[in-house]
Amino acid sequence: MIVEYVRYRVPPQLRDEFEAAYTRAATALGAAAECIDYELSRCLDDPGCHILRITWTSVDDHLRGFRAGPRFGAFFAEIKPYVGNIEEMRHYQVTPVAGPGGAAPPTLYEWAGGDAALTRLCEAFYRLVRADELLAPVFARMAPDHPRNVAVWLGEVFGGPAIYTAEHGGYPHMLGHHLRLGITEAQRRRWVSLMTDAADEVGLPDDPEFRAAFVGYLEWGTRLALANSRPDADPVRQAPVPRWGWGVAPPYQP
């Protein structure tokens, strides 16, 4: 992932038509397979300055893919009159220095109640699993600390401390538990059902926004586990622990 910044110097009398041109150009830009997202900002301190930010899949995808592709012509036709107004056009590599600020919504981890809530969730869930005729055989040899380890995994996934990565082997370790396991679709669905039952039992937040994000992860994670458990699966072995957020429905805070 590469971020391109383009700084324009646009006279105030051309501002409206410049932004209108980019509104039209955005149709082609947003349809390009090489473009992840984009944003045009106007400087408040210097109204003649605009910054265009485009996130590309790679520099090569931008310079060779997009510019040689079918969308570039329509894009460039709209912004061509303003090429002479460009003061800077460069690609930047994103660094690990990033994170939410104090005004950001709470993480799912915080909204759920933190480590204590997720630990209660997993303890209740695996108690239900042991009594379930479909899932009990899968977890017959479950280690005593397995519920706690899953709680730590969920904590990191939902935006809490990266303890699973630091102390439990991260994503490769979790993947190893599912390889060649032969999970069935019926077992996957029961896993999701019992986890939501456990969430109700221990009193996890039941607001629609949290539950939509929570169940969204359960569906995504279990479908990935199902695919990785097949005999012929050849998944990516090295990856970070996924981080799951609110998506399009952040928590409602009156």
C-alpha atoms as a PDB file:
ATOM      1  CA  MET A   1       0.000   0.000   0.000  1.00  0.00           C
ATOM      2  CA  ILE A   2       1.375   3.380  -1.077  1.00  0.00           C
ATOM      3  CA  VAL A   3      -0.054   6.855  -0.459  1.00  0.00           C
ATOM      4  CA  GLU A   4       0.260   9.541  -3.124  1.00  0.00           C
ATOM      5  CA  TYR A   5      -0.081  13.192  -2.156  1.00  0.00           C
ATOM      6  CA  VAL A   6      -0.715  15.835  -4.818  1.00  0.00           C
ATOM      7  CA  ARG A   7      -0.638  19.483  -3.706  1.00  0.00           C
ATOM      8  CA  TYR A   8      -2.421  22.001  -5.907  1.00  0.00           C
ATOM      9  CA  ARG A   9      -2.265  25.798  -5.910  1.00  0.00           C
ATOM     10  CA  VAL A  10      -5.693  26.853  -7.224  1.00  0.00           C
ATOM     11  CA  PRO A  11      -6.783  30.525  -7.380  1.00  0.00           C
ATOM     12  CA  PRO A  12      -9.906  31.143  -5.264  1.00  0.00           C
ATOM     13  CA  GLN A  13     -11.956  32.092  -8.320  1.00  0.00           C
ATOM     14  CA  LEU A  14     -11.315  28.603  -9.813  1.00  0.00           C
ATOM     15  CA  ARG A  15     -11.974  26.659  -6.622  1.00  0.00           C
ATOM     16  CA  ASP A  16     -15.537  25.604  -7.351  1.00  0.00           C
ATOM     17  CA  GLU A  17     -14.862  24.392 -10.874  1.00  0.00           C
ATOM     18  CA  PHE A  18     -11.671  22.647  -9.722  1.00  0.00           C
ATOM     19  CA  GLU A  19     -13.579  20.695  -7.063  1.00  0.00           C
ATOM     20  CA  ALA A  20     -16.373  19.991  -9.550  1.00  0.00           C
ATOM     21  CA  ALA A  21     -13.808  18.581 -11.987  1.00  0.00           C
ATOM     22  CA  TYR A  22     -12.450  16.256  -9.309  1.00  0.00           C
ATOM     23  CA  THR A  23     -15.973  15.209  -8.408  1.00  0.00           C
ATOM     24  CA  ARG A  24     -16.394  14.040 -12.005  1.00  0.00           C
ATOM     25  CA  ALA A  25     -12.888  12.536 -12.141  1.00  0.00           C
ATOM     26  CA  ALA A  26     -13.581  10.582  -8.949  1.00  0.00           C
ATOM     27  CA  THR A  27     -15.990   8.319 -10.831  1.00  0.00           C
ATOM     28  CA  ALA A  28     -13.141   6.870 -12.866  1.00  0.00           C
ATOM     29  CA  LEU A  29     -10.700   6.938  -9.950  1.00  0.00           C
ATOM     30  CA  GLY A  30     -13.054   5.104  -7.625  1.00  0.00           C
ATOM     31  CA  ALA A  31     -13.668   2.411 -10.234  1.00  0.00           C
ATOM     32  CA  ALA A  32      -9.951   1.704 -10.726  1.00  0.00           C
ATOM     33  CA  ALA A  33      -8.818  -1.643  -9.326  1.00  0.00           C
ATOM     34  CA  GLU A  34      -5.490  -0.080  -8.318  1.00  0.00           C
ATOM     35  CA  CYS A  35      -7.086   2.592  -6.093  1.00  0.00           C
ATOM     36  CA  ILE A  36      -7.875   1.744  -2.468  1.00  0.00           C
ATOM     37  CA  ASP A  37      -9.325   5.132  -1.500  1.00  0.00           C
ATOM     38  CA  TYR A  38      -8.973   8.862  -2.146  1.00  0.00           C
ATOM     39  CA  GLU A  39      -9.718  12.232  -0.558  1.00  0.00           C
ATOM     40  CA  LEU A  40      -9.496  15.837  -1.706  1.00  0.00           C
ATOM     41  CA  SER A  41      -9.015  18.416   1.067  1.00  0.00           C
ATOM     42  CA  ARG A  42      -9.062  22.218   0.981  1.00  0.00           C
ATOM     43  CA  CYS A  43      -6.716  24.112   3.306  1.00  0.00           C
ATOM     44  CA  LEU A  44      -8.470  26.376   5.804  1.00  0.00           C
ATOM     45  CA  ASP A  45      -5.362  28.412   6.550  1.00  0.00           C
ATOM     46  CA  ASP A  46      -4.493  28.866   2.879  1.00  0.00           C
ATOM     47  CA  PRO A  47      -7.686  28.533   0.760  1.00  0.00           C
ATOM     48  CA  GLY A  48      -5.661  28.435  -2.463  1.00  0.00           C
ATOM     49  CA  CYS A  49      -4.116  25.123  -1.436  1.00  0.00           C
ATOM     50  CA  HIS A  50      -5.728  21.715  -2.045  1.00  0.00           C
ATOM     51  CA  ILE A  51      -4.282  18.316  -1.137  1.00  0.00           C
ATOM     52  CA  LEU A  52      -5.323  15.172  -2.987  1.00  0.00           C
ATOM     53  CA  ARG A  53      -4.578  11.919  -1.159  1.00  0.00           C
ATOM     54  CA  ILE A  54      -4.822   8.638  -3.074  1.00  0.00           C
ATOM     55  CA  THR A  55      -3.993   5.252  -1.590  1.00  0.00           C
ATOM     56  CA  TRP A  56      -2.718   2.875  -4.271  1.00  0.00           C
ATOM     57  CA  THR A  57      -2.101  -0.853  -4.037  1.00  0.00           C
ATOM     58  CA  SER A  58       1.506  -0.163  -5.125  1.00  0.00           C
ATOM     59  CA  VAL A  59       3.583   2.408  -6.983  1.00  0.00           C
ATOM     60  CA  ASP A  60       3.783   0.125 -10.005  1.00  0.00           C
ATOM     61  CA  ASP A  61       0.021  -0.377  -9.984  1.00  0.00           C
ATOM     62  CA  HIS A  62      -0.396   3.375 -10.096  1.00  0.00           C
ATOM     63  CA  LEU A  63       2.228   4.273 -12.686  1.00  0.00           C
ATOM     64  CA  ARG A  64       1.871   1.227 -14.955  1.00  0.00           C
ATOM     65  CA  GLY A  65      -1.518  -0.190 -14.055  1.00  0.00           C
ATOM     66  CA  PHE A  66      -3.809   2.799 -13.626  1.00  0.00           C
ATOM     67  CA  ARG A  67      -2.067   5.145 -16.054  1.00  0.00           C
ATOM     68  CA  ALA A  68      -2.029   2.469 -18.763  1.00  0.00           C
ATOM     69  CA  GLY A  69      -5.502   1.195 -17.898  1.00  0.00           C
ATOM     70  CA  PRO A  70      -8.993   1.926 -19.168  1.00  0.00           C
ATOM     71  CA  ARG A  71      -9.952   4.419 -16.424  1.00  0.00           C
ATOM     72  CA  PHE A  72      -7.100   6.875 -16.796  1.00  0.00           C
ATOM     73  CA  GLY A  73      -8.386   8.610 -19.920  1.00  0.00           C
ATOM     74  CA  ALA A  74     -11.671   9.664 -18.328  1.00  0.00           C
ATOM     75  CA  PHE A  75      -9.883  10.676 -15.119  1.00  0.00           C
ATOM     76  CA  PHE A  76      -7.219  12.756 -16.845  1.00  0.00           C
ATOM     77  CA  ALA A  77      -9.689  14.480 -19.174  1.00  0.00           C
ATOM     78  CA  GLU A  78     -11.318  16.102 -16.146  1.00  0.00           C
ATOM     79  CA  ILE A  79      -8.195  17.184 -14.249  1.00  0.00           C
ATOM     80  CA  LYS A  80      -5.968  18.064 -17.237  1.00  0.00           C
ATOM     81  CA  PRO A  81      -6.726  21.830 -17.047  1.00  0.00           C
ATOM     82  CA  TYR A  82      -5.213  21.884 -13.547  1.00  0.00           C
ATOM     83  CA  VAL A  83      -1.977  19.957 -14.130  1.00  0.00           C
ATOM     84  CA  GLY A  84      -0.119  23.253 -14.257  1.00  0.00           C
ATOM     85  CA  ASN A  85      -1.394  24.045 -10.759  1.00  0.00           C
ATOM     86  CA  ILE A  86       0.436  21.076  -9.194  1.00  0.00           C
ATOM     87  CA  GLU A  87       3.141  22.052  -6.705  1.00  0.00           C
ATOM     88  CA  GLU A  88       3.992  18.577  -5.449  1.00  0.00           C
ATOM     89  CA  MET A  89       3.185  15.004  -6.532  1.00  0.00           C
ATOM     90  CA  ARG A  90       4.928  12.239  -4.585  1.00  0.00           C
ATOM     91  CA  HIS A  91       4.450   8.719  -3.269  1.00  0.00           C
ATOM     92  CA  TYR A  92       4.851   7.940   0.431  1.00  0.00           C
ATOM     93  CA  GLN A  93       5.332   4.689   2.301  1.00  0.00           C
ATOM     94  CA  VAL A  94       3.075   4.333   5.333  1.00  0.00           C
ATOM     95  CA  THR A  95       4.975   3.761   8.590  1.00  0.00           C
ATOM     96  CA  PRO A  96       3.857   1.888  11.729  1.00  0.00           C
ATOM     97  CA  VAL A  97       3.382   5.231  13.488  1.00  0.00           C
ATOM     98  CA  ALA A  98      -0.415   5.367  13.472  1.00  0.00           C
ATOM     99  CA  GLY A  99      -3.278   5.012  15.900  1.00  0.00           C
ATOM    100  CA  PRO A 100      -6.556   6.467  17.126  1.00  0.00           C
ATOM    101  CA  GLY A 101      -6.772   9.684  19.108  1.00  0.00           C
ATOM    102  CA  GLY A 102      -8.752  10.556  22.169  1.00  0.00           C
ATOM    103  CA  ALA A 103     -11.790  11.593  20.132  1.00  0.00           C
ATOM    104  CA  ALA A 104     -11.962   8.253  18.297  1.00  0.00           C
ATOM    105  CA  PRO A 105     -14.807   5.847  19.125  1.00  0.00           C
ATOM    106  CA  PRO A 106     -13.942   3.196  21.723  1.00  0.00           C
ATOM    107  CA  THR A 107     -12.622  -0.065  20.365  1.00  0.00           C
ATOM    108  CA  LEU A 108     -14.831  -3.136  20.310  1.00  0.00           C
ATOM    109  CA  TYR A 109     -12.587  -4.451  23.093  1.00  0.00           C
ATOM    110  CA  GLU A 110     -13.385  -1.449  25.283  1.00  0.00           C
ATOM    111  CA  TRP A 111     -17.084  -1.439  24.404  1.00  0.00           C
ATOM    112  CA  ALA A 112     -17.388  -5.141  25.230  1.00  0.00           C
ATOM    113  CA  GLY A 113     -15.919  -4.602  28.694  1.00  0.00           C
ATOM    114  CA  GLY A 114     -12.265  -5.470  28.149  1.00  0.00           C
ATOM    115  CA  ASP A 115     -10.379  -8.594  29.127  1.00  0.00           C
ATOM    116  CA  ALA A 116     -12.680  -9.564  31.990  1.00  0.00           C
ATOM    117  CA  ALA A 117     -15.776  -9.562  29.762  1.00  0.00           C
ATOM    118  CA  LEU A 118     -14.107 -11.577  27.008  1.00  0.00           C
ATOM    119  CA  THR A 119     -12.801 -14.083  29.531  1.00  0.00           C
ATOM    120  CA  ARG A 120     -16.330 -14.588  30.883  1.00  0.00           C
ATOM    121  CA  LEU A 121     -17.563 -14.932  27.315  1.00  0.00           C
ATOM    122  CA  CYS A 122     -15.102 -17.690  26.456  1.00  0.00           C
ATOM    123  CA  GLU A 123     -15.638 -19.562  29.704  1.00  0.00           C
ATOM    124  CA  ALA A 124     -19.401 -19.587  29.087  1.00  0.00           C
ATOM    125  CA  PHE A 125     -18.917 -20.516  25.437  1.00  0.00           C
ATOM    126  CA  TYR A 126     -16.718 -23.538  26.081  1.00  0.00           C
ATOM    127  CA  ARG A 127     -19.056 -24.726  28.826  1.00  0.00           C
ATOM    128  CA  LEU A 128     -21.790 -24.754  26.182  1.00  0.00           C
ATOM    129  CA  VAL A 129     -19.425 -26.463  23.734  1.00  0.00           C
ATOM    130  CA  ARG A 130     -18.678 -29.316  26.136  1.00  0.00           C
ATOM    131  CA  ALA A 131     -22.402 -30.057  26.399  1.00  0.00           C
ATOM    132  CA  ASP A 132     -23.049 -29.809  22.648  1.00  0.00           C
ATOM    133  CA  GLU A 133     -23.235 -33.091  20.745  1.00  0.00           C
ATOM    134  CA  LEU A 134     -21.962 -31.517  17.514  1.00  0.00           C
ATOM    135  CA  LEU A 135     -18.989 -29.574  18.878  1.00  0.00           C
ATOM    136  CA  ALA A 136     -17.975 -31.557  21.950  1.00  0.00           C
ATOM    137  CA  PRO A 137     -16.035 -34.179  19.899  1.00  0.00           C
ATOM    138  CA  VAL A 138     -14.044 -31.424  18.156  1.00  0.00           C
ATOM    139  CA  PHE A 139     -12.864 -30.055  21.505  1.00  0.00           C
ATOM    140  CA  ALA A 140     -12.541 -33.369  23.344  1.00  0.00           C
ATOM    141  CA  ARG A 141      -8.809 -32.818  23.898  1.00  0.00           C
ATOM    142  CA  MET A 142      -9.081 -29.113  24.667  1.00  0.00           C
ATOM    143  CA  ALA A 143      -6.373 -27.856  27.008  1.00  0.00           C
ATOM    144  CA  PRO A 144      -7.548 -26.289  30.278  1.00  0.00           C
ATOM    145  CA  ASP A 145      -6.188 -22.886  29.250  1.00  0.00           C
ATOM    146  CA  HIS A 146      -7.843 -22.901  25.823  1.00  0.00           C
ATOM    147  CA  PRO A 147     -10.783 -20.634  26.795  1.00  0.00           C
ATOM    148  CA  ARG A 148      -8.372 -18.100  28.244  1.00  0.00           C
ATOM    149  CA  ASN A 149      -6.189 -18.178  25.118  1.00  0.00           C
ATOM    150  CA  VAL A 150      -9.206 -17.576  22.880  1.00  0.00           C
ATOM    151  CA  ALA A 151     -10.212 -14.630  25.073  1.00  0.00           C
ATOM    152  CA  VAL A 152      -6.723 -13.155  24.575  1.00  0.00           C
ATOM    153  CA  TRP A 153      -7.050 -13.710  20.813  1.00  0.00           C
ATOM    154  CA  LEU A 154     -10.426 -11.971  20.719  1.00  0.00           C
ATOM    155  CA  GLY A 155      -9.037  -9.133  22.818  1.00  0.00           C
ATOM    156  CA  GLU A 156      -6.321  -8.418  20.276  1.00  0.00           C
ATOM    157  CA  VAL A 157      -8.704  -8.822  17.328  1.00  0.00           C
ATOM    158  CA  PHE A 158     -11.158  -6.345  18.836  1.00  0.00           C
ATOM    159  CA  GLY A 159      -8.537  -3.659  19.407  1.00  0.00           C
ATOM    160  CA  GLY A 160      -7.091  -4.583  22.799  1.00  0.00           C
ATOM    161  CA  PRO A 161      -3.478  -5.320  23.778  1.00  0.00           C
ATOM    162  CA  ALA A 162      -1.435  -7.392  21.325  1.00  0.00           C
ATOM    163  CA  ILE A 163      -0.836 -10.124  23.894  1.00  0.00           C
ATOM    164  CA  TYR A 164      -1.652 -13.029  21.588  1.00  0.00           C
ATOM    165  CA  THR A 165       1.024 -11.862  19.178  1.00  0.00           C
ATOM    166  CA  ALA A 166       3.584 -11.234  21.911  1.00  0.00           C
ATOM    167  CA  GLU A 167       3.009 -14.335  24.063  1.00  0.00           C
ATOM    168  CA  HIS A 168       1.066 -16.960  22.082  1.00  0.00           C
ATOM    169  CA  GLY A 169       2.628 -17.090  18.641  1.00  0.00           C
ATOM    170  CA  GLY A 170       0.296 -14.728  16.794  1.00  0.00           C
ATOM    171  CA  TYR A 171      -1.645 -15.625  13.685  1.00  0.00           C
ATOM    172  CA  PRO A 172       0.566 -18.591  12.622  1.00  0.00           C
ATOM    173  CA  HIS A 173      -0.143 -20.289  15.948  1.00  0.00           C
ATOM    174  CA  MET A 174      -3.899 -19.807  15.633  1.00  0.00           C
ATOM    175  CA  LEU A 175      -3.797 -21.042  12.043  1.00  0.00           C
ATOM    176  CA  GLY A 176      -2.021 -24.200  13.178  1.00  0.00           C
ATOM    177  CA  HIS A 177      -5.029 -25.150  15.313  1.00  0.00           C
ATOM    178  CA  HIS A 178      -7.271 -25.289  12.237  1.00  0.00           C
ATOM    179  CA  LEU A 179      -5.112 -26.882   9.543  1.00  0.00           C
ATOM    180  CA  ARG A 180      -6.496 -30.250   8.377  1.00  0.00           C
ATOM    181  CA  LEU A 181      -9.100 -30.168  11.144  1.00  0.00           C
ATOM    182  CA  GLY A 182     -11.925 -30.894   8.718  1.00  0.00           C
ATOM    183  CA  ILE A 183     -14.509 -28.499  10.157  1.00  0.00           C
ATOM    184  CA  THR A 184     -17.990 -28.931   8.689  1.00  0.00           C
ATOM    185  CA  GLU A 185     -20.435 -26.189   7.795  1.00  0.00           C
ATOM    186  CA  ALA A 186     -22.821 -27.476  10.459  1.00  0.00           C
ATOM    187  CA  GLN A 187     -20.081 -27.197  13.089  1.00  0.00           C
ATOM    188  CA  ARG A 188     -19.190 -23.708  11.924  1.00  0.00           C
ATOM    189  CA  ARG A 189     -22.785 -22.532  12.254  1.00  0.00           C
ATOM    190  CA  ARG A 190     -23.148 -24.119  15.684  1.00  0.00           C
ATOM    191  CA  TRP A 191     -19.935 -22.377  16.799  1.00  0.00           C
ATOM    192  CA  VAL A 192     -21.387 -18.994  15.819  1.00  0.00           C
ATOM    193  CA  SER A 193     -24.733 -19.812  17.443  1.00  0.00           C
ATOM    194  CA  LEU A 194     -23.209 -20.877  20.754  1.00  0.00           C
ATOM    195  CA  MET A 195     -20.899 -17.871  20.832  1.00  0.00           C
ATOM    196  CA  THR A 196     -23.859 -15.519  20.448  1.00  0.00           C
ATOM    197  CA  ASP A 197     -25.717 -17.481  23.146  1.00  0.00           C
ATOM    198  CA  ALA A 198     -22.704 -17.049  25.428  1.00  0.00           C
ATOM    199  CA  ALA A 199     -22.601 -13.330  24.660  1.00  0.00           C
ATOM    200  CA  ASP A 200     -26.214 -13.056  25.810  1.00  0.00           C
ATOM    201  CA  GLU A 201     -25.533 -15.144  28.902  1.00  0.00           C
ATOM    202  CA  VAL A 202     -22.618 -13.053  30.167  1.00  0.00           C
ATOM    203  CA  GLY A 203     -24.235  -9.738  29.269  1.00  0.00           C
ATOM    204  CA  LEU A 204     -22.058  -8.457  26.455  1.00  0.00           C
ATOM    205  CA  PRO A 205     -23.499  -5.223  25.011  1.00  0.00           C
ATOM    206  CA  ASP A 206     -26.591  -5.928  22.951  1.00  0.00           C
ATOM    207  CA  ASP A 207     -26.806  -2.678  21.014  1.00  0.00           C
ATOM    208  CA  PRO A 208     -27.241  -3.334  17.281  1.00  0.00           C
ATOM    209  CA  GLU A 209     -23.951  -1.672  16.350  1.00  0.00           C
ATOM    210  CA  PHE A 210     -21.813  -3.826  18.637  1.00  0.00           C
ATOM    211  CA  ARG A 211     -23.626  -7.050  17.846  1.00  0.00           C
ATOM    212  CA  ALA A 212     -23.397  -6.391  14.102  1.00  0.00           C
ATOM    213  CA  ALA A 213     -19.619  -5.959  14.381  1.00  0.00           C
ATOM    214  CA  PHE A 214     -19.280  -8.887  16.802  1.00  0.00           C
ATOM    215  CA  VAL A 215     -21.261 -11.340  14.682  1.00  0.00           C
ATOM    216  CA  GLY A 216     -19.565 -10.003  11.559  1.00  0.00           C
ATOM    217  CA  TYR A 217     -16.222 -11.140  12.960  1.00  0.00           C
ATOM    218  CA  LEU A 218     -17.643 -14.509  14.031  1.00  0.00           C
ATOM    219  CA  GLU A 219     -18.924 -15.119  10.506  1.00  0.00           C
ATOM    220  CA  TRP A 220     -15.680 -13.996   8.877  1.00  0.00           C
ATOM    221  CA  GLY A 221     -13.417 -15.858  11.281  1.00  0.00           C
ATOM    222  CA  THR A 222     -15.323 -19.145  11.219  1.00  0.00           C
ATOM    223  CA  ARG A 223     -15.617 -19.145   7.429  1.00  0.00           C
ATOM    224  CA  LEU A 224     -11.877 -18.589   7.186  1.00  0.00           C
ATOM    225  CA  ALA A 225     -11.270 -21.391   9.701  1.00  0.00           C
ATOM    226  CA  LEU A 226     -13.557 -23.682   7.694  1.00  0.00           C
ATOM    227  CA  ALA A 227     -11.599 -23.014   4.497  1.00  0.00           C
ATOM    228  CA  ASN A 228      -8.235 -23.446   6.249  1.00  0.00           C
ATOM    229  CA  SER A 229      -9.323 -26.754   7.784  1.00  0.00           C
ATOM    230  CA  ARG A 230      -9.870 -28.512   4.465  1.00  0.00           C
ATOM    231  CA  PRO A 231      -7.418 -31.276   3.510  1.00  0.00           C
ATOM    232  CA  ASP A 232      -6.233 -29.417   0.403  1.00  0.00           C
ATOM    233  CA  ALA A 233      -6.003 -25.972   2.013  1.00  0.00           C
ATOM    234  CA  ASP A 234      -2.833 -23.979   1.393  1.00  0.00           C
ATOM    235  CA  PRO A 235      -3.393 -20.738   3.323  1.00  0.00           C
ATOM    236  CA  VAL A 236      -0.981 -17.878   3.857  1.00  0.00           C
ATOM    237  CA  ARG A 237       1.104 -18.948   6.846  1.00  0.00           C
ATOM    238  CA  GLN A 238       2.513 -15.584   7.943  1.00  0.00           C
ATOM    239  CA  ALA A 239       0.087 -12.747   8.651  1.00  0.00           C
ATOM    240  CA  PRO A 240      -0.721 -10.390  11.523  1.00  0.00           C
ATOM    241  CA  VAL A 241      -3.590 -10.997  13.897  1.00  0.00           C
ATOM    242  CA  PRO A 242      -6.606  -9.362  12.216  1.00  0.00           C
ATOM    243  CA  ARG A 243      -7.968  -6.173  13.738  1.00  0.00           C
ATOM    244  CA  TRP A 244     -11.734  -5.830  13.695  1.00  0.00           C
ATOM    245  CA  GLY A 245     -13.539  -2.488  13.993  1.00  0.00           C
ATOM    246  CA  TRP A 246     -16.992  -1.009  13.895  1.00  0.00           C
ATOM    247  CA  GLY A 247     -17.289  -0.890  10.136  1.00  0.00           C
ATOM    248  CA  VAL A 248     -20.054   1.468   9.039  1.00  0.00           C
ATOM    249  CA  ALA A 249     -21.929   1.499  12.329  1.00  0.00           C
ATOM    250  CA  PRO A 250     -19.875   3.112  15.135  1.00  0.00           C
ATOM    251  CA  PRO A 251     -21.332   3.020  18.643  1.00  0.00           C
ATOM    252  CA  TYR A 252     -24.121   5.433  19.378  1.00  0.00           C
ATOM    253  CA  GLN A 253     -23.131   7.864  22.125  1.00  0.00           C
ATOM    254  CA  PRO A 254     -25.804  10.507  22.859  1.00  0.00           C
END
